[in-house]
């Protein structure tokens, strides 16, 4: 059994922190609309930060599954971009410190990794752990972005879930939340609903929803304006592509009707509780994906 401290190194020069928040977002699991990636990049671009802890990626990562990039320059190897699984210290807009765990999801030693994060949480006196990512859903882009919340205590959840009981492939982030709860620590996660026909593209509206959920749960004062501007521009692009195309507008209307039927039924708290006699989300989304592909020329943005 590994000692939890064997999997990470912690900076000895740390400021005084009282119950800091730890945000976590790892690459490798589902992240529709690159929701988690957009939030991470936005926070690291907008706020000053420094690495305070590094995990042993040689023990955690399968390099053959995700080969790190190397640069060959004419006659020699010039650079090697080693993967980093780190915890960074950031400060919000009023100076409150918080932490961000990011990097590739471990390929192995999940129990060892979660034990190490738990040890780090206790060592730094973390008060709340918060995760976020995007999931593809059969919802239209013309409706408010939804979020499924989950937590180690019911009191931490303020949003109703659209799911009941469902079994899904596991993730290191999910196991971390489970183990934190078993150890008596507060943790919450947000799965942002991304229209599944946009799941493979950057969808800033989902990142805005994730940021707003994090702010609401933690009280951190985080910058959101640039993400909102990017979301408005993306939404305008989508609307321009949809407008005037009868087939696509019909698809969107069908998704809107499906969304409104579920969202408006107060007695129905599970999105998948009852089947509907209408096209499936996959069938509707496939039509929309074909339309978007037809609109993309060589100079079109992704």
C-alpha atoms as a PDB file:
ATOM      1  CA  UNK A   1       0.000   0.000   0.000  1.00  0.00           C
ATOM      2  CA  UNK A   2       1.497   3.326  -1.075  1.00  0.00           C
ATOM      3  CA  UNK A   3       1.952   6.118   1.414  1.00  0.00           C
ATOM      4  CA  UNK A   4      -0.296   8.972   0.146  1.00  0.00           C
ATOM      5  CA  UNK A   5       2.615  11.396   0.419  1.00  0.00           C
ATOM      6  CA  UNK A   6       4.655   9.283  -2.018  1.00  0.00           C
ATOM      7  CA  UNK A   7       2.520  10.395  -4.980  1.00  0.00           C
ATOM      8  CA  UNK A   8       2.947  14.160  -4.639  1.00  0.00           C
ATOM      9  CA  UNK A   9       5.390  16.862  -3.645  1.00  0.00           C
ATOM     10  CA  UNK A  10       4.136  19.946  -1.806  1.00  0.00           C
ATOM     11  CA  UNK A  11       5.790  23.362  -1.868  1.00  0.00           C
ATOM     12  CA  UNK A  12       7.179  24.315   1.530  1.00  0.00           C
ATOM     13  CA  UNK A  13       6.493  28.027   0.958  1.00  0.00           C
ATOM     14  CA  UNK A  14       2.741  28.298   1.433  1.00  0.00           C
ATOM     15  CA  UNK A  15       0.649  31.243   2.652  1.00  0.00           C
ATOM     16  CA  UNK A  16      -1.734  31.040   5.579  1.00  0.00           C
ATOM     17  CA  UNK A  17      -5.101  29.713   4.352  1.00  0.00           C
ATOM     18  CA  UNK A  18      -8.285  29.080   6.291  1.00  0.00           C
ATOM     19  CA  UNK A  19     -10.582  26.485   4.740  1.00  0.00           C
ATOM     20  CA  UNK A  20      -9.671  27.188   1.103  1.00  0.00           C
ATOM     21  CA  UNK A  21     -11.769  25.851  -1.758  1.00  0.00           C
ATOM     22  CA  UNK A  22     -10.210  23.206  -4.014  1.00  0.00           C
ATOM     23  CA  UNK A  23     -11.524  23.153  -7.587  1.00  0.00           C
ATOM     24  CA  UNK A  24     -10.702  20.126  -9.727  1.00  0.00           C
ATOM     25  CA  UNK A  25     -11.034  19.430 -13.439  1.00  0.00           C
ATOM     26  CA  UNK A  26      -9.121  16.613 -15.133  1.00  0.00           C
ATOM     27  CA  UNK A  27      -8.620  15.803 -18.818  1.00  0.00           C
ATOM     28  CA  UNK A  28      -9.561  12.355 -20.072  1.00  0.00           C
ATOM     29  CA  UNK A  29     -13.143  11.866 -18.941  1.00  0.00           C
ATOM     30  CA  UNK A  30     -16.302  13.266 -20.574  1.00  0.00           C
ATOM     31  CA  UNK A  31     -16.123  17.032 -21.071  1.00  0.00           C
ATOM     32  CA  UNK A  32     -18.770  17.991 -23.625  1.00  0.00           C
ATOM     33  CA  UNK A  33     -18.333  21.434 -25.108  1.00  0.00           C
ATOM     34  CA  UNK A  34     -14.819  21.463 -23.561  1.00  0.00           C
ATOM     35  CA  UNK A  35     -16.599  22.963 -20.544  1.00  0.00           C
ATOM     36  CA  UNK A  36     -13.973  22.156 -17.945  1.00  0.00           C
ATOM     37  CA  UNK A  37     -11.126  23.079 -20.264  1.00  0.00           C
ATOM     38  CA  UNK A  38     -12.644  26.486 -21.022  1.00  0.00           C
ATOM     39  CA  UNK A  39     -13.085  27.232 -17.318  1.00  0.00           C
ATOM     40  CA  UNK A  40      -9.528  26.151 -16.475  1.00  0.00           C
ATOM     41  CA  UNK A  41      -7.989  28.165 -19.283  1.00  0.00           C
ATOM     42  CA  UNK A  42     -10.071  31.199 -18.392  1.00  0.00           C
ATOM     43  CA  UNK A  43      -9.102  31.118 -14.704  1.00  0.00           C
ATOM     44  CA  UNK A  44      -5.402  30.619 -15.434  1.00  0.00           C
ATOM     45  CA  UNK A  45      -5.428  33.437 -17.990  1.00  0.00           C
ATOM     46  CA  UNK A  46      -7.379  35.887 -15.835  1.00  0.00           C
ATOM     47  CA  UNK A  47      -5.824  35.243 -12.410  1.00  0.00           C
ATOM     48  CA  UNK A  48      -2.254  35.022 -11.161  1.00  0.00           C
ATOM     49  CA  UNK A  49      -1.256  31.538 -10.103  1.00  0.00           C
ATOM     50  CA  UNK A  50       1.617  29.280  -9.114  1.00  0.00           C
ATOM     51  CA  UNK A  51       2.077  25.540  -8.716  1.00  0.00           C
ATOM     52  CA  UNK A  52       2.213  24.394  -5.086  1.00  0.00           C
ATOM     53  CA  UNK A  53       1.921  20.604  -5.521  1.00  0.00           C
ATOM     54  CA  UNK A  54       2.951  18.140  -8.223  1.00  0.00           C
ATOM     55  CA  UNK A  55       1.778  14.556  -8.586  1.00  0.00           C
ATOM     56  CA  UNK A  56       4.061  11.757  -9.752  1.00  0.00           C
ATOM     57  CA  UNK A  57       2.854  11.383 -13.339  1.00  0.00           C
ATOM     58  CA  UNK A  58       5.371   8.619 -14.037  1.00  0.00           C
ATOM     59  CA  UNK A  59       3.410   6.456 -11.602  1.00  0.00           C
ATOM     60  CA  UNK A  60      -0.054   7.614 -12.668  1.00  0.00           C
ATOM     61  CA  UNK A  61       0.027   8.059 -16.460  1.00  0.00           C
ATOM     62  CA  UNK A  62       0.214   5.475 -19.246  1.00  0.00           C
ATOM     63  CA  UNK A  63       2.408   7.259 -21.784  1.00  0.00           C
ATOM     64  CA  UNK A  64       1.627   4.738 -24.514  1.00  0.00           C
ATOM     65  CA  UNK A  65      -2.083   5.550 -24.263  1.00  0.00           C
ATOM     66  CA  UNK A  66      -1.491   9.309 -24.315  1.00  0.00           C
ATOM     67  CA  UNK A  67       1.918   9.949 -25.814  1.00  0.00           C
ATOM     68  CA  UNK A  68       3.352  13.337 -24.810  1.00  0.00           C
ATOM     69  CA  UNK A  69       4.384  15.513 -27.773  1.00  0.00           C
ATOM     70  CA  UNK A  70       8.047  15.872 -28.684  1.00  0.00           C
ATOM     71  CA  UNK A  71       9.637  18.229 -31.208  1.00  0.00           C
ATOM     72  CA  UNK A  72      12.217  17.020 -33.714  1.00  0.00           C
ATOM     73  CA  UNK A  73      14.334  19.877 -35.073  1.00  0.00           C
ATOM     74  CA  UNK A  74      16.228  18.946 -38.278  1.00  0.00           C
ATOM     75  CA  UNK A  75      18.707  16.518 -36.721  1.00  0.00           C
ATOM     76  CA  UNK A  76      17.895  16.282 -33.013  1.00  0.00           C
ATOM     77  CA  UNK A  77      15.137  16.045 -30.445  1.00  0.00           C
ATOM     78  CA  UNK A  78      14.580  19.610 -29.215  1.00  0.00           C
ATOM     79  CA  UNK A  79      11.729  19.526 -26.705  1.00  0.00           C
ATOM     80  CA  UNK A  80       9.577  17.166 -24.671  1.00  0.00           C
ATOM     81  CA  UNK A  81       6.249  18.343 -23.236  1.00  0.00           C
ATOM     82  CA  UNK A  82       5.919  16.294 -20.077  1.00  0.00           C
ATOM     83  CA  UNK A  83       2.379  15.934 -18.718  1.00  0.00           C
ATOM     84  CA  UNK A  84       1.639  17.792 -15.490  1.00  0.00           C
ATOM     85  CA  UNK A  85      -0.878  16.860 -12.812  1.00  0.00           C
ATOM     86  CA  UNK A  86      -0.645  19.762 -10.398  1.00  0.00           C
ATOM     87  CA  UNK A  87      -2.363  21.861  -7.774  1.00  0.00           C
ATOM     88  CA  UNK A  88      -2.130  25.603  -8.315  1.00  0.00           C
ATOM     89  CA  UNK A  89      -2.717  28.414  -5.851  1.00  0.00           C
ATOM     90  CA  UNK A  90      -4.854  31.259  -7.201  1.00  0.00           C
ATOM     91  CA  UNK A  91      -6.549  34.306  -5.688  1.00  0.00           C
ATOM     92  CA  UNK A  92      -9.996  35.530  -6.691  1.00  0.00           C
ATOM     93  CA  UNK A  93     -10.804  39.155  -7.503  1.00  0.00           C
ATOM     94  CA  UNK A  94     -10.956  40.168  -3.836  1.00  0.00           C
ATOM     95  CA  UNK A  95      -7.779  38.323  -2.892  1.00  0.00           C
ATOM     96  CA  UNK A  96      -9.256  35.154  -1.398  1.00  0.00           C
ATOM     97  CA  UNK A  97      -6.974  32.152  -2.012  1.00  0.00           C
ATOM     98  CA  UNK A  98      -8.261  28.985  -3.636  1.00  0.00           C
ATOM     99  CA  UNK A  99      -6.742  25.904  -5.251  1.00  0.00           C
ATOM    100  CA  UNK A 100      -7.098  24.283  -8.669  1.00  0.00           C
ATOM    101  CA  UNK A 101      -6.223  20.644  -9.350  1.00  0.00           C
ATOM    102  CA  UNK A 102      -5.810  20.012 -13.072  1.00  0.00           C
ATOM    103  CA  UNK A 103      -4.022  17.797 -15.547  1.00  0.00           C
ATOM    104  CA  UNK A 104      -4.581  14.392 -17.135  1.00  0.00           C
ATOM    105  CA  UNK A 105      -6.846  11.925 -15.366  1.00  0.00           C
ATOM    106  CA  UNK A 106      -4.648   9.148 -13.936  1.00  0.00           C
ATOM    107  CA  UNK A 107      -4.608   5.933 -15.970  1.00  0.00           C
ATOM    108  CA  UNK A 108      -3.698   3.817 -12.941  1.00  0.00           C
ATOM    109  CA  UNK A 109      -3.593   3.883  -9.135  1.00  0.00           C
ATOM    110  CA  UNK A 110      -6.962   5.591  -8.783  1.00  0.00           C
ATOM    111  CA  UNK A 111      -7.237   4.591  -5.138  1.00  0.00           C
ATOM    112  CA  UNK A 112      -3.691   5.781  -4.500  1.00  0.00           C
ATOM    113  CA  UNK A 113      -4.386   9.060  -6.280  1.00  0.00           C
ATOM    114  CA  UNK A 114      -7.621   9.744  -4.400  1.00  0.00           C
ATOM    115  CA  UNK A 115      -5.907   8.880  -1.109  1.00  0.00           C
ATOM    116  CA  UNK A 116      -3.165  11.380  -1.956  1.00  0.00           C
ATOM    117  CA  UNK A 117      -5.675  14.124  -2.794  1.00  0.00           C
ATOM    118  CA  UNK A 118      -7.539  13.354   0.445  1.00  0.00           C
ATOM    119  CA  UNK A 119      -4.242  13.627   2.346  1.00  0.00           C
ATOM    120  CA  UNK A 120      -3.557  16.954   0.631  1.00  0.00           C
ATOM    121  CA  UNK A 121      -7.084  18.189   1.463  1.00  0.00           C
ATOM    122  CA  UNK A 122      -6.539  17.440   5.133  1.00  0.00           C
ATOM    123  CA  UNK A 123      -2.991  18.802   5.139  1.00  0.00           C
ATOM    124  CA  UNK A 124      -4.093  22.155   3.659  1.00  0.00           C
ATOM    125  CA  UNK A 125      -7.345  22.355   5.632  1.00  0.00           C
ATOM    126  CA  UNK A 126      -9.522  22.498   2.509  1.00  0.00           C
ATOM    127  CA  UNK A 127     -13.112  23.357   3.382  1.00  0.00           C
ATOM    128  CA  UNK A 128     -14.879  22.411   0.137  1.00  0.00           C
ATOM    129  CA  UNK A 129     -13.893  20.443  -2.969  1.00  0.00           C
ATOM    130  CA  UNK A 130     -15.687  21.312  -6.228  1.00  0.00           C
ATOM    131  CA  UNK A 131     -15.544  19.559  -9.603  1.00  0.00           C
ATOM    132  CA  UNK A 132     -17.095  20.493 -12.948  1.00  0.00           C
ATOM    133  CA  UNK A 133     -17.332  19.193 -16.515  1.00  0.00           C
ATOM    134  CA  UNK A 134     -19.767  19.041 -19.452  1.00  0.00           C
ATOM    135  CA  UNK A 135     -21.991  16.133 -20.453  1.00  0.00           C
ATOM    136  CA  UNK A 136     -23.867  15.727 -23.767  1.00  0.00           C
ATOM    137  CA  UNK A 137     -27.648  15.954 -23.455  1.00  0.00           C
ATOM    138  CA  UNK A 138     -30.612  15.906 -25.849  1.00  0.00           C
ATOM    139  CA  UNK A 139     -31.402  19.569 -25.200  1.00  0.00           C
ATOM    140  CA  UNK A 140     -31.636  22.576 -27.543  1.00  0.00           C
ATOM    141  CA  UNK A 141     -29.187  25.460 -27.530  1.00  0.00           C
ATOM    142  CA  UNK A 142     -32.140  27.871 -27.377  1.00  0.00           C
ATOM    143  CA  UNK A 143     -32.986  27.007 -23.766  1.00  0.00           C
ATOM    144  CA  UNK A 144     -31.108  27.853 -20.547  1.00  0.00           C
ATOM    145  CA  UNK A 145     -28.099  25.646 -19.915  1.00  0.00           C
ATOM    146  CA  UNK A 146     -28.976  23.032 -17.315  1.00  0.00           C
ATOM    147  CA  UNK A 147     -26.759  21.533 -14.629  1.00  0.00           C
ATOM    148  CA  UNK A 148     -26.857  18.267 -12.709  1.00  0.00           C
ATOM    149  CA  UNK A 149     -25.484  18.701  -9.191  1.00  0.00           C
ATOM    150  CA  UNK A 150     -24.171  16.001  -6.884  1.00  0.00           C
ATOM    151  CA  UNK A 151     -22.508  16.184  -3.491  1.00  0.00           C
ATOM    152  CA  UNK A 152     -21.343  14.290  -0.445  1.00  0.00           C
ATOM    153  CA  UNK A 153     -24.225  15.799   1.583  1.00  0.00           C
ATOM    154  CA  UNK A 154     -27.749  16.640   0.341  1.00  0.00           C
ATOM    155  CA  UNK A 155     -27.517  20.040   2.027  1.00  0.00           C
ATOM    156  CA  UNK A 156     -24.808  21.074  -0.426  1.00  0.00           C
ATOM    157  CA  UNK A 157     -27.122  20.720  -3.435  1.00  0.00           C
ATOM    158  CA  UNK A 158     -29.387  23.616  -4.402  1.00  0.00           C
ATOM    159  CA  UNK A 159     -30.366  22.453  -7.900  1.00  0.00           C
ATOM    160  CA  UNK A 160     -32.730  19.608  -8.733  1.00  0.00           C
ATOM    161  CA  UNK A 161     -31.266  16.726 -10.720  1.00  0.00           C
ATOM    162  CA  UNK A 162     -32.806  15.597 -13.998  1.00  0.00           C
ATOM    163  CA  UNK A 163     -31.562  12.083 -13.353  1.00  0.00           C
ATOM    164  CA  UNK A 164     -32.685   9.341 -11.023  1.00  0.00           C
ATOM    165  CA  UNK A 165     -30.483   6.274 -10.513  1.00  0.00           C
ATOM    166  CA  UNK A 166     -28.150   5.491 -13.401  1.00  0.00           C
ATOM    167  CA  UNK A 167     -24.915   3.536 -13.826  1.00  0.00           C
ATOM    168  CA  UNK A 168     -22.149   5.185 -15.864  1.00  0.00           C
ATOM    169  CA  UNK A 169     -18.453   4.533 -16.568  1.00  0.00           C
ATOM    170  CA  UNK A 170     -16.323   5.545 -13.617  1.00  0.00           C
ATOM    171  CA  UNK A 171     -13.898   8.441 -13.393  1.00  0.00           C
ATOM    172  CA  UNK A 172     -11.107   9.468 -11.053  1.00  0.00           C
ATOM    173  CA  UNK A 173     -13.064  12.640 -10.255  1.00  0.00           C
ATOM    174  CA  UNK A 174     -16.156  10.626  -9.339  1.00  0.00           C
ATOM    175  CA  UNK A 175     -14.132   8.274  -7.143  1.00  0.00           C
ATOM    176  CA  UNK A 176     -12.497  11.268  -5.466  1.00  0.00           C
ATOM    177  CA  UNK A 177     -15.877  12.726  -4.533  1.00  0.00           C
ATOM    178  CA  UNK A 178     -17.047   9.341  -3.245  1.00  0.00           C
ATOM    179  CA  UNK A 179     -13.951   8.852  -1.073  1.00  0.00           C
ATOM    180  CA  UNK A 180     -14.104  12.426   0.231  1.00  0.00           C
ATOM    181  CA  UNK A 181     -17.670  11.837   1.352  1.00  0.00           C
ATOM    182  CA  UNK A 182     -16.754   8.582   3.063  1.00  0.00           C
ATOM    183  CA  UNK A 183     -14.038  10.457   4.952  1.00  0.00           C
ATOM    184  CA  UNK A 184     -16.491  13.146   6.081  1.00  0.00           C
ATOM    185  CA  UNK A 185     -15.351  15.950   3.776  1.00  0.00           C
ATOM    186  CA  UNK A 186     -17.656  18.283   1.848  1.00  0.00           C
ATOM    187  CA  UNK A 187     -17.481  17.935  -1.917  1.00  0.00           C
ATOM    188  CA  UNK A 188     -19.807  18.952  -4.725  1.00  0.00           C
ATOM    189  CA  UNK A 189     -19.771  18.439  -8.473  1.00  0.00           C
ATOM    190  CA  UNK A 190     -21.506  20.048 -11.449  1.00  0.00           C
ATOM    191  CA  UNK A 191     -22.212  18.280 -14.748  1.00  0.00           C
ATOM    192  CA  UNK A 192     -23.264  20.956 -17.229  1.00  0.00           C
ATOM    193  CA  UNK A 193     -25.763  19.929 -19.931  1.00  0.00           C
ATOM    194  CA  UNK A 194     -24.387  20.600 -23.410  1.00  0.00           C
ATOM    195  CA  UNK A 195     -26.561  20.119 -26.529  1.00  0.00           C
ATOM    196  CA  UNK A 196     -25.149  16.866 -27.801  1.00  0.00           C
ATOM    197  CA  UNK A 197     -24.895  18.150 -31.376  1.00  0.00           C
ATOM    198  CA  UNK A 198     -22.430  20.752 -30.016  1.00  0.00           C
ATOM    199  CA  UNK A 199     -20.580  18.385 -27.675  1.00  0.00           C
ATOM    200  CA  UNK A 200     -17.471  18.157 -29.870  1.00  0.00           C
ATOM    201  CA  UNK A 201     -17.094  21.933 -30.193  1.00  0.00           C
ATOM    202  CA  UNK A 202     -16.131  24.596 -27.683  1.00  0.00           C
ATOM    203  CA  UNK A 203     -19.394  25.821 -26.139  1.00  0.00           C
ATOM    204  CA  UNK A 204     -18.685  28.839 -23.905  1.00  0.00           C
ATOM    205  CA  UNK A 205     -22.284  29.038 -22.637  1.00  0.00           C
ATOM    206  CA  UNK A 206     -21.645  25.786 -20.758  1.00  0.00           C
ATOM    207  CA  UNK A 207     -18.453  27.225 -19.247  1.00  0.00           C
ATOM    208  CA  UNK A 208     -20.435  30.247 -18.063  1.00  0.00           C
ATOM    209  CA  UNK A 209     -22.951  27.923 -16.400  1.00  0.00           C
ATOM    210  CA  UNK A 210     -20.114  25.989 -14.735  1.00  0.00           C
ATOM    211  CA  UNK A 211     -18.510  29.198 -13.460  1.00  0.00           C
ATOM    212  CA  UNK A 212     -21.815  30.482 -12.097  1.00  0.00           C
ATOM    213  CA  UNK A 213     -22.410  27.175 -10.311  1.00  0.00           C
ATOM    214  CA  UNK A 214     -18.916  27.307  -8.776  1.00  0.00           C
ATOM    215  CA  UNK A 215     -19.412  30.907  -7.666  1.00  0.00           C
ATOM    216  CA  UNK A 216     -22.773  30.070  -6.100  1.00  0.00           C
ATOM    217  CA  UNK A 217     -21.371  27.057  -4.246  1.00  0.00           C
ATOM    218  CA  UNK A 218     -18.145  28.649  -3.019  1.00  0.00           C
ATOM    219  CA  UNK A 219     -18.701  32.386  -2.705  1.00  0.00           C
ATOM    220  CA  UNK A 220     -15.539  33.030  -4.718  1.00  0.00           C
ATOM    221  CA  UNK A 221     -15.471  36.245  -6.743  1.00  0.00           C
ATOM    222  CA  UNK A 222     -14.414  35.009 -10.169  1.00  0.00           C
ATOM    223  CA  UNK A 223     -14.263  36.864 -13.508  1.00  0.00           C
ATOM    224  CA  UNK A 224     -16.931  35.742 -15.968  1.00  0.00           C
ATOM    225  CA  UNK A 225     -17.341  38.646 -18.409  1.00  0.00           C
ATOM    226  CA  UNK A 226     -14.987  37.342 -21.116  1.00  0.00           C
ATOM    227  CA  UNK A 227     -16.652  33.949 -21.061  1.00  0.00           C
ATOM    228  CA  UNK A 228     -20.060  35.623 -21.377  1.00  0.00           C
ATOM    229  CA  UNK A 229     -18.817  37.602 -24.381  1.00  0.00           C
ATOM    230  CA  UNK A 230     -17.499  34.421 -26.006  1.00  0.00           C
ATOM    231  CA  UNK A 231     -20.817  32.678 -25.285  1.00  0.00           C
ATOM    232  CA  UNK A 232     -22.786  35.516 -26.894  1.00  0.00           C
ATOM    233  CA  UNK A 233     -20.606  35.397 -30.009  1.00  0.00           C
ATOM    234  CA  UNK A 234     -20.917  31.613 -30.297  1.00  0.00           C
ATOM    235  CA  UNK A 235     -24.684  31.731 -29.793  1.00  0.00           C
ATOM    236  CA  UNK A 236     -24.948  34.362 -32.533  1.00  0.00           C
ATOM    237  CA  UNK A 237     -22.944  32.139 -34.909  1.00  0.00           C
ATOM    238  CA  UNK A 238     -25.226  29.175 -34.196  1.00  0.00           C
ATOM    239  CA  UNK A 239     -28.364  31.293 -34.662  1.00  0.00           C
ATOM    240  CA  UNK A 240     -27.049  32.585 -37.992  1.00  0.00           C
ATOM    241  CA  UNK A 241     -26.462  29.049 -39.246  1.00  0.00           C
ATOM    242  CA  UNK A 242     -29.889  27.864 -38.118  1.00  0.00           C
ATOM    243  CA  UNK A 243     -31.932  30.849 -39.329  1.00  0.00           C
ATOM    244  CA  UNK A 244     -33.755  30.265 -42.563  1.00  0.00           C
ATOM    245  CA  UNK A 245     -33.084  26.534 -42.752  1.00  0.00           C
ATOM    246  CA  UNK A 246     -36.478  24.877 -42.403  1.00  0.00           C
ATOM    247  CA  UNK A 247     -35.096  21.412 -41.700  1.00  0.00           C
ATOM    248  CA  UNK A 248     -32.814  22.534 -38.892  1.00  0.00           C
ATOM    249  CA  UNK A 249     -35.402  24.861 -37.390  1.00  0.00           C
ATOM    250  CA  UNK A 250     -37.782  21.902 -37.277  1.00  0.00           C
ATOM    251  CA  UNK A 251     -35.155  19.857 -35.444  1.00  0.00           C
ATOM    252  CA  UNK A 252     -34.581  22.638 -32.903  1.00  0.00           C
ATOM    253  CA  UNK A 253     -38.329  23.088 -32.353  1.00  0.00           C
ATOM    254  CA  UNK A 254     -38.708  19.364 -31.685  1.00  0.00           C
ATOM    255  CA  UNK A 255     -35.922  19.499 -29.108  1.00  0.00           C
ATOM    256  CA  UNK A 256     -37.524  22.578 -27.559  1.00  0.00           C
ATOM    257  CA  UNK A 257     -40.846  20.770 -27.251  1.00  0.00           C
ATOM    258  CA  UNK A 258     -39.131  17.789 -25.644  1.00  0.00           C
ATOM    259  CA  UNK A 259     -37.230  20.043 -23.249  1.00  0.00           C
ATOM    260  CA  UNK A 260     -40.310  22.065 -22.300  1.00  0.00           C
ATOM    261  CA  UNK A 261     -42.381  18.934 -21.748  1.00  0.00           C
ATOM    262  CA  UNK A 262     -39.915  17.592 -19.210  1.00  0.00           C
ATOM    263  CA  UNK A 263     -38.948  20.889 -17.596  1.00  0.00           C
ATOM    264  CA  UNK A 264     -42.585  21.957 -17.247  1.00  0.00           C
ATOM    265  CA  UNK A 265     -43.815  18.755 -15.640  1.00  0.00           C
ATOM    266  CA  UNK A 266     -43.407  19.392 -11.922  1.00  0.00           C
ATOM    267  CA  UNK A 267     -44.269  15.831 -10.987  1.00  0.00           C
ATOM    268  CA  UNK A 268     -41.588  14.407 -13.253  1.00  0.00           C
ATOM    269  CA  UNK A 269     -38.129  14.712 -11.669  1.00  0.00           C
ATOM    270  CA  UNK A 270     -36.268  12.314 -13.926  1.00  0.00           C
ATOM    271  CA  UNK A 271     -35.491  13.336 -17.493  1.00  0.00           C
ATOM    272  CA  UNK A 272     -35.429   9.695 -18.555  1.00  0.00           C
ATOM    273  CA  UNK A 273     -38.420   8.550 -16.524  1.00  0.00           C
ATOM    274  CA  UNK A 274     -40.830   8.163 -19.429  1.00  0.00           C
ATOM    275  CA  UNK A 275     -40.338   7.540 -23.120  1.00  0.00           C
ATOM    276  CA  UNK A 276     -41.886   9.910 -25.640  1.00  0.00           C
ATOM    277  CA  UNK A 277     -43.360   9.044 -29.038  1.00  0.00           C
ATOM    278  CA  UNK A 278     -41.040  11.356 -30.915  1.00  0.00           C
ATOM    279  CA  UNK A 279     -37.608  11.213 -32.605  1.00  0.00           C
ATOM    280  CA  UNK A 280     -34.711  10.402 -30.314  1.00  0.00           C
ATOM    281  CA  UNK A 281     -32.117  13.005 -29.425  1.00  0.00           C
ATOM    282  CA  UNK A 282     -29.551  11.111 -31.488  1.00  0.00           C
ATOM    283  CA  UNK A 283     -31.790  11.181 -34.561  1.00  0.00           C
ATOM    284  CA  UNK A 284     -32.481  14.888 -34.163  1.00  0.00           C
ATOM    285  CA  UNK A 285     -28.874  15.710 -33.402  1.00  0.00           C
ATOM    286  CA  UNK A 286     -27.602  13.759 -36.401  1.00  0.00           C
ATOM    287  CA  UNK A 287     -29.664  15.965 -38.707  1.00  0.00           C
ATOM    288  CA  UNK A 288     -28.286  19.089 -37.065  1.00  0.00           C
ATOM    289  CA  UNK A 289     -24.708  17.815 -37.235  1.00  0.00           C
ATOM    290  CA  UNK A 290     -25.114  17.140 -40.965  1.00  0.00           C
ATOM    291  CA  UNK A 291     -26.402  20.663 -41.474  1.00  0.00           C
ATOM    292  CA  UNK A 292     -23.516  22.243 -39.559  1.00  0.00           C
ATOM    293  CA  UNK A 293     -21.004  20.156 -41.508  1.00  0.00           C
ATOM    294  CA  UNK A 294     -22.510  21.391 -44.771  1.00  0.00           C
ATOM    295  CA  UNK A 295     -22.092  24.998 -43.660  1.00  0.00           C
ATOM    296  CA  UNK A 296     -18.398  24.652 -42.805  1.00  0.00           C
ATOM    297  CA  UNK A 297     -16.100  25.808 -45.570  1.00  0.00           C
ATOM    298  CA  UNK A 298     -12.297  25.727 -45.550  1.00  0.00           C
ATOM    299  CA  UNK A 299     -12.166  29.085 -43.756  1.00  0.00           C
ATOM    300  CA  UNK A 300     -14.931  28.393 -41.275  1.00  0.00           C
ATOM    301  CA  UNK A 301     -14.073  28.410 -37.550  1.00  0.00           C
ATOM    302  CA  UNK A 302     -14.335  25.107 -35.702  1.00  0.00           C
END
